[in-house]
């Protein structure tokens, strides 16, 4: 190799590791907002995701034996189920929800923590999130945590023992994409644990951009479930995450003020 490629060690891919578990797919998907379970199954299969989030407060995981069970569609034998605390507005409620999930899933300790500030924006309540994370970690949970894009908060959550930090790209369900890529870059640069963008992804290009920044993965629900053809969008998101990861590994060309260097050799030009 010549030029800048020799100036630093090339990046090589490796599996995504969360709480000691290795995953090939870097796309995580949710199970809410679909029209029915058949659509949930089709989109989840098309995504090739290995980690699937489940809202414990809004999904039947067996607590209502007379109702359809989501786990009949999203089998724990095939997927890593990630119970989440969607709909919780206090540390206490979030901790109780995770404890319920552990009971329903036979001691399952990997959870996604989210403590919301209000119902209008679904922006995270950072104070309650920090308190809930501490409680859950002390109780033996492996905590993946939804938070703001504040690099200081992200670092604190990682240092206290969260196994993955999940900053928002923009508001949950908004589809606005990455509104503050600089802040996300700062979080990634200082990362002690995997960083996954959670919330705000609207298009495959958003997902690719997150991966090109160096994120370890993305979690997507609304952008897939609300698409006119969810399974097709799930496939598109899978390809975007893979392409974005490969682009990050390849390391893009430097930006230049002027494109002064021709892309073809100047030697041998007729008339020179």
C-alpha atoms as a PDB file:
ATOM      1  CA  UNK A   1       0.000   0.000   0.000  1.00  0.00           C
ATOM      2  CA  UNK A   2       1.087   3.587  -0.586  1.00  0.00           C
ATOM      3  CA  UNK A   3       0.138   7.012   0.683  1.00  0.00           C
ATOM      4  CA  UNK A   4      -1.977   7.607   3.771  1.00  0.00           C
ATOM      5  CA  UNK A   5      -3.104   3.981   3.982  1.00  0.00           C
ATOM      6  CA  UNK A   6       0.287   3.138   5.505  1.00  0.00           C
ATOM      7  CA  UNK A   7       0.133   5.900   8.117  1.00  0.00           C
ATOM      8  CA  UNK A   8      -2.254   4.107  10.463  1.00  0.00           C
ATOM      9  CA  UNK A   9      -3.374   0.579  11.162  1.00  0.00           C
ATOM     10  CA  UNK A  10      -6.299  -0.425   8.924  1.00  0.00           C
ATOM     11  CA  UNK A  11      -9.582  -1.176  10.648  1.00  0.00           C
ATOM     12  CA  UNK A  12     -10.673  -4.796  10.749  1.00  0.00           C
ATOM     13  CA  UNK A  13     -14.174  -5.982  11.500  1.00  0.00           C
ATOM     14  CA  UNK A  14     -15.091  -7.947  14.583  1.00  0.00           C
ATOM     15  CA  UNK A  15     -18.403  -9.126  16.024  1.00  0.00           C
ATOM     16  CA  UNK A  16     -20.590  -6.885  18.111  1.00  0.00           C
ATOM     17  CA  UNK A  17     -20.170  -7.982  21.731  1.00  0.00           C
ATOM     18  CA  UNK A  18     -22.721  -6.943  24.358  1.00  0.00           C
ATOM     19  CA  UNK A  19     -22.572  -8.265  27.905  1.00  0.00           C
ATOM     20  CA  UNK A  20     -20.224 -11.014  26.796  1.00  0.00           C
ATOM     21  CA  UNK A  21     -22.488 -12.180  23.957  1.00  0.00           C
ATOM     22  CA  UNK A  22     -21.355 -12.007  20.359  1.00  0.00           C
ATOM     23  CA  UNK A  23     -23.650 -10.893  17.530  1.00  0.00           C
ATOM     24  CA  UNK A  24     -23.164 -10.778  13.767  1.00  0.00           C
ATOM     25  CA  UNK A  25     -25.974  -8.372  12.923  1.00  0.00           C
ATOM     26  CA  UNK A  26     -25.603  -4.739  13.967  1.00  0.00           C
ATOM     27  CA  UNK A  27     -29.255  -3.958  13.324  1.00  0.00           C
ATOM     28  CA  UNK A  28     -31.595  -4.265  16.301  1.00  0.00           C
ATOM     29  CA  UNK A  29     -35.331  -4.025  15.699  1.00  0.00           C
ATOM     30  CA  UNK A  30     -38.441  -3.385  17.738  1.00  0.00           C
ATOM     31  CA  UNK A  31     -41.685  -5.333  17.715  1.00  0.00           C
ATOM     32  CA  UNK A  32     -44.236  -2.576  18.298  1.00  0.00           C
ATOM     33  CA  UNK A  33     -46.443  -0.563  15.928  1.00  0.00           C
ATOM     34  CA  UNK A  34     -47.036  -3.316  13.368  1.00  0.00           C
ATOM     35  CA  UNK A  35     -50.523  -4.051  12.078  1.00  0.00           C
ATOM     36  CA  UNK A  36     -50.443  -7.661  13.246  1.00  0.00           C
ATOM     37  CA  UNK A  37     -48.140 -10.459  14.333  1.00  0.00           C
ATOM     38  CA  UNK A  38     -47.705 -11.749  10.783  1.00  0.00           C
ATOM     39  CA  UNK A  39     -46.277  -8.393   9.746  1.00  0.00           C
ATOM     40  CA  UNK A  40     -44.061  -8.379  12.834  1.00  0.00           C
ATOM     41  CA  UNK A  41     -42.703 -11.801  11.929  1.00  0.00           C
ATOM     42  CA  UNK A  42     -42.085 -10.955   8.275  1.00  0.00           C
ATOM     43  CA  UNK A  43     -40.282  -7.688   8.999  1.00  0.00           C
ATOM     44  CA  UNK A  44     -38.171  -9.188  11.757  1.00  0.00           C
ATOM     45  CA  UNK A  45     -37.074 -12.053   9.532  1.00  0.00           C
ATOM     46  CA  UNK A  46     -36.275  -9.662   6.676  1.00  0.00           C
ATOM     47  CA  UNK A  47     -34.124  -7.508   8.947  1.00  0.00           C
ATOM     48  CA  UNK A  48     -31.841 -10.448   9.841  1.00  0.00           C
ATOM     49  CA  UNK A  49     -31.634  -8.905  13.326  1.00  0.00           C
ATOM     50  CA  UNK A  50     -30.501 -11.085  16.201  1.00  0.00           C
ATOM     51  CA  UNK A  51     -31.577  -8.761  19.037  1.00  0.00           C
ATOM     52  CA  UNK A  52     -35.261  -7.860  19.180  1.00  0.00           C
ATOM     53  CA  UNK A  53     -36.746  -5.400  21.652  1.00  0.00           C
ATOM     54  CA  UNK A  54     -40.050  -6.014  23.406  1.00  0.00           C
ATOM     55  CA  UNK A  55     -41.998  -3.424  25.382  1.00  0.00           C
ATOM     56  CA  UNK A  56     -42.868  -5.297  28.556  1.00  0.00           C
ATOM     57  CA  UNK A  57     -45.723  -2.960  29.482  1.00  0.00           C
ATOM     58  CA  UNK A  58     -47.355  -3.168  26.062  1.00  0.00           C
ATOM     59  CA  UNK A  59     -46.716  -6.759  24.977  1.00  0.00           C
ATOM     60  CA  UNK A  60     -48.031 -10.064  26.201  1.00  0.00           C
ATOM     61  CA  UNK A  61     -45.070 -12.263  27.076  1.00  0.00           C
ATOM     62  CA  UNK A  62     -47.157 -14.797  28.916  1.00  0.00           C
ATOM     63  CA  UNK A  63     -48.600 -12.632  31.674  1.00  0.00           C
ATOM     64  CA  UNK A  64     -51.993 -12.815  29.913  1.00  0.00           C
ATOM     65  CA  UNK A  65     -52.442 -16.507  29.065  1.00  0.00           C
ATOM     66  CA  UNK A  66     -55.731 -15.961  27.196  1.00  0.00           C
ATOM     67  CA  UNK A  67     -54.186 -13.510  24.686  1.00  0.00           C
ATOM     68  CA  UNK A  68     -51.778 -14.070  21.780  1.00  0.00           C
ATOM     69  CA  UNK A  69     -48.200 -14.271  23.009  1.00  0.00           C
ATOM     70  CA  UNK A  70     -45.572 -12.234  21.151  1.00  0.00           C
ATOM     71  CA  UNK A  71     -42.989 -14.910  21.957  1.00  0.00           C
ATOM     72  CA  UNK A  72     -44.887 -17.314  19.688  1.00  0.00           C
ATOM     73  CA  UNK A  73     -43.854 -15.018  16.819  1.00  0.00           C
ATOM     74  CA  UNK A  74     -40.452 -13.847  18.080  1.00  0.00           C
ATOM     75  CA  UNK A  75     -39.033 -17.034  19.515  1.00  0.00           C
ATOM     76  CA  UNK A  76     -36.408 -16.753  22.279  1.00  0.00           C
ATOM     77  CA  UNK A  77     -34.780 -19.807  20.707  1.00  0.00           C
ATOM     78  CA  UNK A  78     -34.074 -17.819  17.541  1.00  0.00           C
ATOM     79  CA  UNK A  79     -33.668 -14.252  18.821  1.00  0.00           C
ATOM     80  CA  UNK A  80     -32.113 -12.553  21.818  1.00  0.00           C
ATOM     81  CA  UNK A  81     -35.122 -10.918  23.432  1.00  0.00           C
ATOM     82  CA  UNK A  82     -34.399  -7.446  24.773  1.00  0.00           C
ATOM     83  CA  UNK A  83     -37.148  -6.371  27.192  1.00  0.00           C
ATOM     84  CA  UNK A  84     -37.458  -2.602  27.337  1.00  0.00           C
ATOM     85  CA  UNK A  85     -39.048  -0.191  29.778  1.00  0.00           C
ATOM     86  CA  UNK A  86     -40.972   1.870  27.214  1.00  0.00           C
ATOM     87  CA  UNK A  87     -43.693   3.873  28.917  1.00  0.00           C
ATOM     88  CA  UNK A  88     -41.815   4.314  32.203  1.00  0.00           C
ATOM     89  CA  UNK A  89     -41.373   7.825  33.604  1.00  0.00           C
ATOM     90  CA  UNK A  90     -39.549   7.069  36.843  1.00  0.00           C
ATOM     91  CA  UNK A  91     -36.587   5.003  37.962  1.00  0.00           C
ATOM     92  CA  UNK A  92     -38.849   3.017  40.270  1.00  0.00           C
ATOM     93  CA  UNK A  93     -41.262   2.005  37.495  1.00  0.00           C
ATOM     94  CA  UNK A  94     -38.397   1.108  35.178  1.00  0.00           C
ATOM     95  CA  UNK A  95     -36.784  -1.139  37.794  1.00  0.00           C
ATOM     96  CA  UNK A  96     -40.088  -2.899  38.495  1.00  0.00           C
ATOM     97  CA  UNK A  97     -40.667  -3.459  34.781  1.00  0.00           C
ATOM     98  CA  UNK A  98     -37.256  -5.074  34.357  1.00  0.00           C
ATOM     99  CA  UNK A  99     -37.879  -7.302  37.363  1.00  0.00           C
ATOM    100  CA  UNK A 100     -41.183  -8.402  35.807  1.00  0.00           C
ATOM    101  CA  UNK A 101     -39.416  -9.184  32.546  1.00  0.00           C
ATOM    102  CA  UNK A 102     -36.871 -11.290  34.401  1.00  0.00           C
ATOM    103  CA  UNK A 103     -39.674 -13.318  35.953  1.00  0.00           C
ATOM    104  CA  UNK A 104     -41.503 -13.779  32.648  1.00  0.00           C
ATOM    105  CA  UNK A 105     -38.334 -14.745  30.765  1.00  0.00           C
ATOM    106  CA  UNK A 106     -36.916 -17.214  33.286  1.00  0.00           C
ATOM    107  CA  UNK A 107     -34.133 -15.124  34.758  1.00  0.00           C
ATOM    108  CA  UNK A 108     -33.237 -13.132  31.615  1.00  0.00           C
ATOM    109  CA  UNK A 109     -30.935 -10.263  32.677  1.00  0.00           C
ATOM    110  CA  UNK A 110     -30.279  -8.320  29.458  1.00  0.00           C
ATOM    111  CA  UNK A 111     -32.610  -5.316  29.360  1.00  0.00           C
ATOM    112  CA  UNK A 112     -32.999  -2.018  27.555  1.00  0.00           C
ATOM    113  CA  UNK A 113     -33.562   0.822  29.977  1.00  0.00           C
ATOM    114  CA  UNK A 114     -35.464   3.925  28.965  1.00  0.00           C
ATOM    115  CA  UNK A 115     -36.932   6.428  31.410  1.00  0.00           C
ATOM    116  CA  UNK A 116     -38.900   9.139  29.634  1.00  0.00           C
ATOM    117  CA  UNK A 117     -39.278  12.780  30.552  1.00  0.00           C
ATOM    118  CA  UNK A 118     -42.731  13.379  29.105  1.00  0.00           C
ATOM    119  CA  UNK A 119     -45.280  11.839  26.788  1.00  0.00           C
ATOM    120  CA  UNK A 120     -45.042  14.574  24.173  1.00  0.00           C
ATOM    121  CA  UNK A 121     -41.370  14.277  23.205  1.00  0.00           C
ATOM    122  CA  UNK A 122     -40.396  10.937  24.771  1.00  0.00           C
ATOM    123  CA  UNK A 123     -37.072  12.597  25.500  1.00  0.00           C
ATOM    124  CA  UNK A 124     -35.084  10.732  28.171  1.00  0.00           C
ATOM    125  CA  UNK A 125     -35.165  11.905  31.775  1.00  0.00           C
ATOM    126  CA  UNK A 126     -31.445  11.705  32.397  1.00  0.00           C
ATOM    127  CA  UNK A 127     -31.647  12.050  36.187  1.00  0.00           C
ATOM    128  CA  UNK A 128     -34.099   9.160  36.506  1.00  0.00           C
ATOM    129  CA  UNK A 129     -32.179   7.158  33.915  1.00  0.00           C
ATOM    130  CA  UNK A 130     -28.967   7.390  35.930  1.00  0.00           C
ATOM    131  CA  UNK A 131     -30.790   6.344  39.095  1.00  0.00           C
ATOM    132  CA  UNK A 132     -32.519   3.403  37.395  1.00  0.00           C
ATOM    133  CA  UNK A 133     -29.275   2.229  35.779  1.00  0.00           C
ATOM    134  CA  UNK A 134     -27.542   2.125  39.149  1.00  0.00           C
ATOM    135  CA  UNK A 135     -30.417   0.188  40.736  1.00  0.00           C
ATOM    136  CA  UNK A 136     -30.572  -2.353  37.911  1.00  0.00           C
ATOM    137  CA  UNK A 137     -26.826  -2.906  37.732  1.00  0.00           C
ATOM    138  CA  UNK A 138     -26.722  -3.472  41.490  1.00  0.00           C
ATOM    139  CA  UNK A 139     -29.551  -5.986  41.021  1.00  0.00           C
ATOM    140  CA  UNK A 140     -27.546  -8.013  38.518  1.00  0.00           C
ATOM    141  CA  UNK A 141     -29.018  -6.772  35.245  1.00  0.00           C
ATOM    142  CA  UNK A 142     -27.037  -6.193  32.048  1.00  0.00           C
ATOM    143  CA  UNK A 143     -28.262  -2.746  31.076  1.00  0.00           C
ATOM    144  CA  UNK A 144     -28.393  -1.278  27.601  1.00  0.00           C
ATOM    145  CA  UNK A 145     -29.492   2.302  28.133  1.00  0.00           C
ATOM    146  CA  UNK A 146     -31.352   4.874  26.028  1.00  0.00           C
ATOM    147  CA  UNK A 147     -30.105   8.368  26.722  1.00  0.00           C
ATOM    148  CA  UNK A 148     -29.603  11.845  25.317  1.00  0.00           C
ATOM    149  CA  UNK A 149     -26.714  12.702  23.007  1.00  0.00           C
ATOM    150  CA  UNK A 150     -24.788  14.335  25.870  1.00  0.00           C
ATOM    151  CA  UNK A 151     -21.226  12.922  25.832  1.00  0.00           C
ATOM    152  CA  UNK A 152     -20.786  13.487  29.583  1.00  0.00           C
ATOM    153  CA  UNK A 153     -23.931  11.544  30.450  1.00  0.00           C
ATOM    154  CA  UNK A 154     -22.991   8.768  28.029  1.00  0.00           C
ATOM    155  CA  UNK A 155     -19.562   8.434  29.647  1.00  0.00           C
ATOM    156  CA  UNK A 156     -21.098   8.319  33.128  1.00  0.00           C
ATOM    157  CA  UNK A 157     -23.523   5.552  32.139  1.00  0.00           C
ATOM    158  CA  UNK A 158     -20.667   3.529  30.668  1.00  0.00           C
ATOM    159  CA  UNK A 159     -18.423   4.036  33.685  1.00  0.00           C
ATOM    160  CA  UNK A 160     -21.118   2.888  36.114  1.00  0.00           C
ATOM    161  CA  UNK A 161     -21.370  -0.413  34.274  1.00  0.00           C
ATOM    162  CA  UNK A 162     -23.990  -0.210  31.508  1.00  0.00           C
ATOM    163  CA  UNK A 163     -23.099  -2.762  28.843  1.00  0.00           C
ATOM    164  CA  UNK A 164     -24.161  -0.518  25.940  1.00  0.00           C
ATOM    165  CA  UNK A 165     -25.067   3.151  25.633  1.00  0.00           C
ATOM    166  CA  UNK A 166     -27.812   4.116  23.174  1.00  0.00           C
ATOM    167  CA  UNK A 167     -27.951   7.865  22.454  1.00  0.00           C
ATOM    168  CA  UNK A 168     -30.849   9.209  20.434  1.00  0.00           C
ATOM    169  CA  UNK A 169     -30.384  10.435  16.886  1.00  0.00           C
ATOM    170  CA  UNK A 170     -33.539  12.514  17.232  1.00  0.00           C
ATOM    171  CA  UNK A 171     -36.849  12.079  19.053  1.00  0.00           C
ATOM    172  CA  UNK A 172     -38.406   8.608  19.228  1.00  0.00           C
ATOM    173  CA  UNK A 173     -40.621   7.997  16.206  1.00  0.00           C
ATOM    174  CA  UNK A 174     -39.780  11.326  14.572  1.00  0.00           C
ATOM    175  CA  UNK A 175     -37.830  10.026  11.596  1.00  0.00           C
ATOM    176  CA  UNK A 176     -35.647  13.145  11.605  1.00  0.00           C
ATOM    177  CA  UNK A 177     -32.409  11.180  11.446  1.00  0.00           C
ATOM    178  CA  UNK A 178     -29.187  12.306  13.121  1.00  0.00           C
ATOM    179  CA  UNK A 179     -29.667  15.905  14.237  1.00  0.00           C
ATOM    180  CA  UNK A 180     -26.364  16.181  16.106  1.00  0.00           C
ATOM    181  CA  UNK A 181     -23.740  13.974  14.462  1.00  0.00           C
ATOM    182  CA  UNK A 182     -20.929  15.935  16.138  1.00  0.00           C
ATOM    183  CA  UNK A 183     -22.168  14.991  19.611  1.00  0.00           C
ATOM    184  CA  UNK A 184     -22.512  11.380  18.520  1.00  0.00           C
ATOM    185  CA  UNK A 185     -18.933  11.459  17.244  1.00  0.00           C
ATOM    186  CA  UNK A 186     -17.737  12.693  20.630  1.00  0.00           C
ATOM    187  CA  UNK A 187     -19.595   9.851  22.351  1.00  0.00           C
ATOM    188  CA  UNK A 188     -18.106   7.293  19.966  1.00  0.00           C
ATOM    189  CA  UNK A 189     -14.614   8.708  20.362  1.00  0.00           C
ATOM    190  CA  UNK A 190     -14.739   8.288  24.140  1.00  0.00           C
ATOM    191  CA  UNK A 191     -16.618   4.981  24.095  1.00  0.00           C
ATOM    192  CA  UNK A 192     -15.839   2.339  26.702  1.00  0.00           C
ATOM    193  CA  UNK A 193     -18.761   0.137  25.643  1.00  0.00           C
ATOM    194  CA  UNK A 194     -20.723  -0.380  22.408  1.00  0.00           C
ATOM    195  CA  UNK A 195     -22.572   2.732  21.177  1.00  0.00           C
ATOM    196  CA  UNK A 196     -25.830   2.158  19.319  1.00  0.00           C
ATOM    197  CA  UNK A 197     -28.037   4.914  17.931  1.00  0.00           C
ATOM    198  CA  UNK A 198     -31.531   4.537  19.319  1.00  0.00           C
ATOM    199  CA  UNK A 199     -34.457   6.655  18.097  1.00  0.00           C
ATOM    200  CA  UNK A 200     -34.984   8.998  15.188  1.00  0.00           C
ATOM    201  CA  UNK A 201     -33.804   6.842  12.280  1.00  0.00           C
ATOM    202  CA  UNK A 202     -36.168   7.479   9.363  1.00  0.00           C
ATOM    203  CA  UNK A 203     -34.441   6.153   6.261  1.00  0.00           C
ATOM    204  CA  UNK A 204     -31.735   3.672   5.334  1.00  0.00           C
ATOM    205  CA  UNK A 205     -29.421   6.610   4.626  1.00  0.00           C
ATOM    206  CA  UNK A 206     -29.815   7.681   8.280  1.00  0.00           C
ATOM    207  CA  UNK A 207     -28.801   4.205   9.412  1.00  0.00           C
ATOM    208  CA  UNK A 208     -25.815   4.179   7.046  1.00  0.00           C
ATOM    209  CA  UNK A 209     -24.694   7.593   8.297  1.00  0.00           C
ATOM    210  CA  UNK A 210     -24.791   6.396  11.902  1.00  0.00           C
ATOM    211  CA  UNK A 211     -22.640   3.421  11.015  1.00  0.00           C
ATOM    212  CA  UNK A 212     -20.230   5.555   8.983  1.00  0.00           C
ATOM    213  CA  UNK A 213     -19.681   7.681  12.092  1.00  0.00           C
ATOM    214  CA  UNK A 214     -18.447   4.553  13.861  1.00  0.00           C
ATOM    215  CA  UNK A 215     -21.531   3.513  15.810  1.00  0.00           C
ATOM    216  CA  UNK A 216     -21.548  -0.158  16.738  1.00  0.00           C
ATOM    217  CA  UNK A 217     -25.160  -0.606  15.687  1.00  0.00           C
ATOM    218  CA  UNK A 218     -28.601   0.964  15.401  1.00  0.00           C
ATOM    219  CA  UNK A 219     -32.007   0.164  16.839  1.00  0.00           C
ATOM    220  CA  UNK A 220     -34.962   0.774  14.534  1.00  0.00           C
ATOM    221  CA  UNK A 221     -38.686   0.293  15.027  1.00  0.00           C
ATOM    222  CA  UNK A 222     -40.930   3.086  13.707  1.00  0.00           C
ATOM    223  CA  UNK A 223     -39.122   3.548  10.398  1.00  0.00           C
ATOM    224  CA  UNK A 224     -39.724  -0.096   9.563  1.00  0.00           C
ATOM    225  CA  UNK A 225     -43.153  -0.622  11.115  1.00  0.00           C
ATOM    226  CA  UNK A 226     -44.635   2.565   9.623  1.00  0.00           C
ATOM    227  CA  UNK A 227     -43.309   1.975   6.115  1.00  0.00           C
ATOM    228  CA  UNK A 228     -45.922   0.995   3.553  1.00  0.00           C
ATOM    229  CA  UNK A 229     -44.031  -2.272   3.053  1.00  0.00           C
ATOM    230  CA  UNK A 230     -42.336  -3.034   6.382  1.00  0.00           C
ATOM    231  CA  UNK A 231     -40.517  -6.197   5.304  1.00  0.00           C
ATOM    232  CA  UNK A 232     -39.033  -4.420   2.292  1.00  0.00           C
ATOM    233  CA  UNK A 233     -37.917  -1.522   4.483  1.00  0.00           C
ATOM    234  CA  UNK A 234     -36.413  -3.973   6.962  1.00  0.00           C
ATOM    235  CA  UNK A 235     -34.273  -5.447   4.194  1.00  0.00           C
ATOM    236  CA  UNK A 236     -33.229  -1.964   3.114  1.00  0.00           C
ATOM    237  CA  UNK A 237     -32.208  -1.097   6.677  1.00  0.00           C
ATOM    238  CA  UNK A 238     -30.193  -4.298   6.945  1.00  0.00           C
ATOM    239  CA  UNK A 239     -28.273  -3.463   3.780  1.00  0.00           C
ATOM    240  CA  UNK A 240     -27.734   0.143   4.915  1.00  0.00           C
ATOM    241  CA  UNK A 241     -26.277  -0.944   8.250  1.00  0.00           C
ATOM    242  CA  UNK A 242     -23.966  -3.389   6.504  1.00  0.00           C
ATOM    243  CA  UNK A 243     -22.876  -0.777   3.935  1.00  0.00           C
ATOM    244  CA  UNK A 244     -22.311   1.858   6.603  1.00  0.00           C
ATOM    245  CA  UNK A 245     -20.190  -0.521   8.640  1.00  0.00           C
ATOM    246  CA  UNK A 246     -18.088  -1.415   5.605  1.00  0.00           C
ATOM    247  CA  UNK A 247     -17.654   2.264   4.761  1.00  0.00           C
ATOM    248  CA  UNK A 248     -16.402   2.961   8.289  1.00  0.00           C
ATOM    249  CA  UNK A 249     -13.981   0.049   8.060  1.00  0.00           C
ATOM    250  CA  UNK A 250     -12.744   1.217   4.655  1.00  0.00           C
ATOM    251  CA  UNK A 251     -12.145   4.783   5.957  1.00  0.00           C
ATOM    252  CA  UNK A 252     -13.309   7.463   3.554  1.00  0.00           C
ATOM    253  CA  UNK A 253     -11.021   9.685   1.508  1.00  0.00           C
ATOM    254  CA  UNK A 254      -9.970  12.967   3.167  1.00  0.00           C
ATOM    255  CA  UNK A 255     -12.090  16.023   2.449  1.00  0.00           C
ATOM    256  CA  UNK A 256     -10.309  18.673   0.414  1.00  0.00           C
ATOM    257  CA  UNK A 257     -10.956  22.354  -0.165  1.00  0.00           C
ATOM    258  CA  UNK A 258     -10.011  21.960  -3.809  1.00  0.00           C
ATOM    259  CA  UNK A 259     -10.040  18.840  -5.935  1.00  0.00           C
ATOM    260  CA  UNK A 260      -6.695  19.762  -7.470  1.00  0.00           C
ATOM    261  CA  UNK A 261      -5.415  16.244  -8.018  1.00  0.00           C
ATOM    262  CA  UNK A 262      -6.757  14.546 -11.174  1.00  0.00           C
ATOM    263  CA  UNK A 263      -8.184  11.102 -10.693  1.00  0.00           C
ATOM    264  CA  UNK A 264      -6.326   9.854 -13.786  1.00  0.00           C
ATOM    265  CA  UNK A 265      -2.528   9.981 -14.281  1.00  0.00           C
ATOM    266  CA  UNK A 266      -1.226  13.023 -16.146  1.00  0.00           C
ATOM    267  CA  UNK A 267       1.719  11.226 -17.721  1.00  0.00           C
ATOM    268  CA  UNK A 268       1.439  10.406 -21.397  1.00  0.00           C
ATOM    269  CA  UNK A 269      -1.331  12.897 -22.161  1.00  0.00           C
ATOM    270  CA  UNK A 270      -1.353  13.697 -25.894  1.00  0.00           C
ATOM    271  CA  UNK A 271       0.077  17.140 -26.548  1.00  0.00           C
ATOM    272  CA  UNK A 272       1.904  17.411 -23.219  1.00  0.00           C
END
